């Protein structure tokens, strides 16, 4: 299982890390995102649609799409050493 899929499954509570108790915790960076998005966007996270952690240019990059309990969605990203996420609201897209 790829790291992206594993993180998404853990975030969704579908997969337990090896040796983990029945209740899982999100990675620390998702908890930081949850706190930041609550303050900046008044978004209570309902669930994560997309979660990705990857190495890019020698730095770890974190990306997520958040579904708020009120139905709004946000994309968020940051490089490992950045203290804050860049957060942008997802608008309606027409194909």
C-alpha atoms as a PDB file:
ATOM      1  CA  UNK A   1       0.000   0.000   0.000  1.00  0.00           C
ATOM      2  CA  UNK A   2       1.425   3.409  -0.933  1.00  0.00           C
ATOM      3  CA  UNK A   3       2.109   5.982   1.753  1.00  0.00           C
ATOM      4  CA  UNK A   4      -0.637   8.247   0.325  1.00  0.00           C
ATOM      5  CA  UNK A   5      -3.260   5.534   0.468  1.00  0.00           C
ATOM      6  CA  UNK A   6      -2.106   4.435   3.907  1.00  0.00           C
ATOM      7  CA  UNK A   7      -2.328   8.009   5.265  1.00  0.00           C
ATOM      8  CA  UNK A   8      -5.757   8.469   3.693  1.00  0.00           C
ATOM      9  CA  UNK A   9      -6.958   5.193   5.199  1.00  0.00           C
ATOM     10  CA  UNK A  10      -5.559   6.098   8.619  1.00  0.00           C
ATOM     11  CA  UNK A  11      -7.130   9.564   8.415  1.00  0.00           C
ATOM     12  CA  UNK A  12     -10.461   7.980   7.527  1.00  0.00           C
ATOM     13  CA  UNK A  13     -10.099   5.518  10.385  1.00  0.00           C
ATOM     14  CA  UNK A  14     -10.101   2.558   8.011  1.00  0.00           C
ATOM     15  CA  UNK A  15      -6.651   1.207   8.740  1.00  0.00           C
ATOM     16  CA  UNK A  16      -4.712   0.914  11.955  1.00  0.00           C
ATOM     17  CA  UNK A  17      -0.961   1.419  12.052  1.00  0.00           C
ATOM     18  CA  UNK A  18       0.947  -1.664  13.148  1.00  0.00           C
ATOM     19  CA  UNK A  19       0.625  -2.193  16.889  1.00  0.00           C
ATOM     20  CA  UNK A  20      -1.942   0.611  17.256  1.00  0.00           C
ATOM     21  CA  UNK A  21      -4.854   0.442  19.660  1.00  0.00           C
ATOM     22  CA  UNK A  22      -8.411   0.318  18.319  1.00  0.00           C
ATOM     23  CA  UNK A  23      -8.674   4.133  18.093  1.00  0.00           C
ATOM     24  CA  UNK A  24      -6.223   5.816  15.729  1.00  0.00           C
ATOM     25  CA  UNK A  25      -4.884   9.344  15.822  1.00  0.00           C
ATOM     26  CA  UNK A  26      -4.185  11.473  12.797  1.00  0.00           C
ATOM     27  CA  UNK A  27      -0.591  12.369  11.966  1.00  0.00           C
ATOM     28  CA  UNK A  28       0.517  15.542  13.792  1.00  0.00           C
ATOM     29  CA  UNK A  29       0.410  17.611  10.611  1.00  0.00           C
ATOM     30  CA  UNK A  30      -3.296  16.824  10.084  1.00  0.00           C
ATOM     31  CA  UNK A  31      -4.020  17.935  13.632  1.00  0.00           C
ATOM     32  CA  UNK A  32      -2.136  21.195  12.933  1.00  0.00           C
ATOM     33  CA  UNK A  33      -4.181  21.679   9.756  1.00  0.00           C
ATOM     34  CA  UNK A  34      -7.411  21.050  11.670  1.00  0.00           C
ATOM     35  CA  UNK A  35      -6.497  23.744  14.207  1.00  0.00           C
ATOM     36  CA  UNK A  36      -5.447  26.278  11.555  1.00  0.00           C
ATOM     37  CA  UNK A  37      -8.521  25.777   9.359  1.00  0.00           C
ATOM     38  CA  UNK A  38     -10.830  26.109  12.375  1.00  0.00           C
ATOM     39  CA  UNK A  39      -9.334  29.518  13.197  1.00  0.00           C
ATOM     40  CA  UNK A  40      -8.913  30.896   9.670  1.00  0.00           C
ATOM     41  CA  UNK A  41     -11.989  29.485   7.924  1.00  0.00           C
ATOM     42  CA  UNK A  42     -14.306  28.565  10.822  1.00  0.00           C
ATOM     43  CA  UNK A  43     -14.307  25.022   9.429  1.00  0.00           C
ATOM     44  CA  UNK A  44     -14.976  22.053  11.650  1.00  0.00           C
ATOM     45  CA  UNK A  45     -13.377  19.139   9.812  1.00  0.00           C
ATOM     46  CA  UNK A  46     -15.877  16.414   9.009  1.00  0.00           C
ATOM     47  CA  UNK A  47     -13.434  14.229   7.104  1.00  0.00           C
ATOM     48  CA  UNK A  48     -10.477  14.273   4.740  1.00  0.00           C
ATOM     49  CA  UNK A  49     -11.204  13.587   1.070  1.00  0.00           C
ATOM     50  CA  UNK A  50      -7.548  13.443   0.085  1.00  0.00           C
ATOM     51  CA  UNK A  51      -4.363  13.153   2.140  1.00  0.00           C
ATOM     52  CA  UNK A  52      -0.853  13.054   0.683  1.00  0.00           C
ATOM     53  CA  UNK A  53       2.641  13.227   2.125  1.00  0.00           C
ATOM     54  CA  UNK A  54       5.564  13.076  -0.303  1.00  0.00           C
ATOM     55  CA  UNK A  55       9.200  14.032  -0.732  1.00  0.00           C
ATOM     56  CA  UNK A  56       9.734  16.844  -3.213  1.00  0.00           C
ATOM     57  CA  UNK A  57      13.131  18.447  -3.716  1.00  0.00           C
ATOM     58  CA  UNK A  58      14.419  17.006  -0.457  1.00  0.00           C
ATOM     59  CA  UNK A  59      11.497  18.409   1.553  1.00  0.00           C
ATOM     60  CA  UNK A  60       8.379  16.678   2.785  1.00  0.00           C
ATOM     61  CA  UNK A  61       5.215  18.201   1.327  1.00  0.00           C
ATOM     62  CA  UNK A  62       1.819  17.751   2.992  1.00  0.00           C
ATOM     63  CA  UNK A  63      -1.417  18.094   0.999  1.00  0.00           C
ATOM     64  CA  UNK A  64      -5.035  17.500   1.953  1.00  0.00           C
ATOM     65  CA  UNK A  65      -8.577  18.213   0.835  1.00  0.00           C
ATOM     66  CA  UNK A  66     -10.878  18.860   3.775  1.00  0.00           C
ATOM     67  CA  UNK A  67     -14.653  18.445   3.913  1.00  0.00           C
ATOM     68  CA  UNK A  68     -16.144  20.699   6.613  1.00  0.00           C
ATOM     69  CA  UNK A  69     -19.255  19.576   8.483  1.00  0.00           C
ATOM     70  CA  UNK A  70     -21.127  22.473   6.823  1.00  0.00           C
ATOM     71  CA  UNK A  71     -20.326  21.093   3.343  1.00  0.00           C
ATOM     72  CA  UNK A  72     -17.527  23.446   2.295  1.00  0.00           C
ATOM     73  CA  UNK A  73     -14.290  21.980   0.956  1.00  0.00           C
ATOM     74  CA  UNK A  74     -10.761  23.345   1.183  1.00  0.00           C
ATOM     75  CA  UNK A  75      -7.415  22.379  -0.315  1.00  0.00           C
ATOM     76  CA  UNK A  76      -4.402  22.797   1.949  1.00  0.00           C
ATOM     77  CA  UNK A  77      -0.683  22.330   1.428  1.00  0.00           C
ATOM     78  CA  UNK A  78       2.644  23.147   3.025  1.00  0.00           C
ATOM     79  CA  UNK A  79       6.277  22.164   2.811  1.00  0.00           C
ATOM     80  CA  UNK A  80       7.671  20.487   5.923  1.00  0.00           C
ATOM     81  CA  UNK A  81       9.449  23.518   7.371  1.00  0.00           C
ATOM     82  CA  UNK A  82       6.652  26.026   6.717  1.00  0.00           C
ATOM     83  CA  UNK A  83       4.791  26.847   9.916  1.00  0.00           C
ATOM     84  CA  UNK A  84       1.417  27.395   8.227  1.00  0.00           C
ATOM     85  CA  UNK A  85      -0.626  25.729   5.513  1.00  0.00           C
ATOM     86  CA  UNK A  86      -1.765  27.523   2.387  1.00  0.00           C
ATOM     87  CA  UNK A  87      -5.529  27.045   2.419  1.00  0.00           C
ATOM     88  CA  UNK A  88      -7.902  27.744  -0.483  1.00  0.00           C
ATOM     89  CA  UNK A  89     -11.616  27.088  -0.751  1.00  0.00           C
ATOM     90  CA  UNK A  90     -12.702  24.704  -3.499  1.00  0.00           C
ATOM     91  CA  UNK A  91     -15.244  26.335  -5.773  1.00  0.00           C
ATOM     92  CA  UNK A  92     -17.817  24.769  -8.040  1.00  0.00           C
ATOM     93  CA  UNK A  93     -16.262  23.379 -11.195  1.00  0.00           C
ATOM     94  CA  UNK A  94     -18.092  22.872 -14.452  1.00  0.00           C
ATOM     95  CA  UNK A  95     -16.777  20.275 -16.899  1.00  0.00           C
END
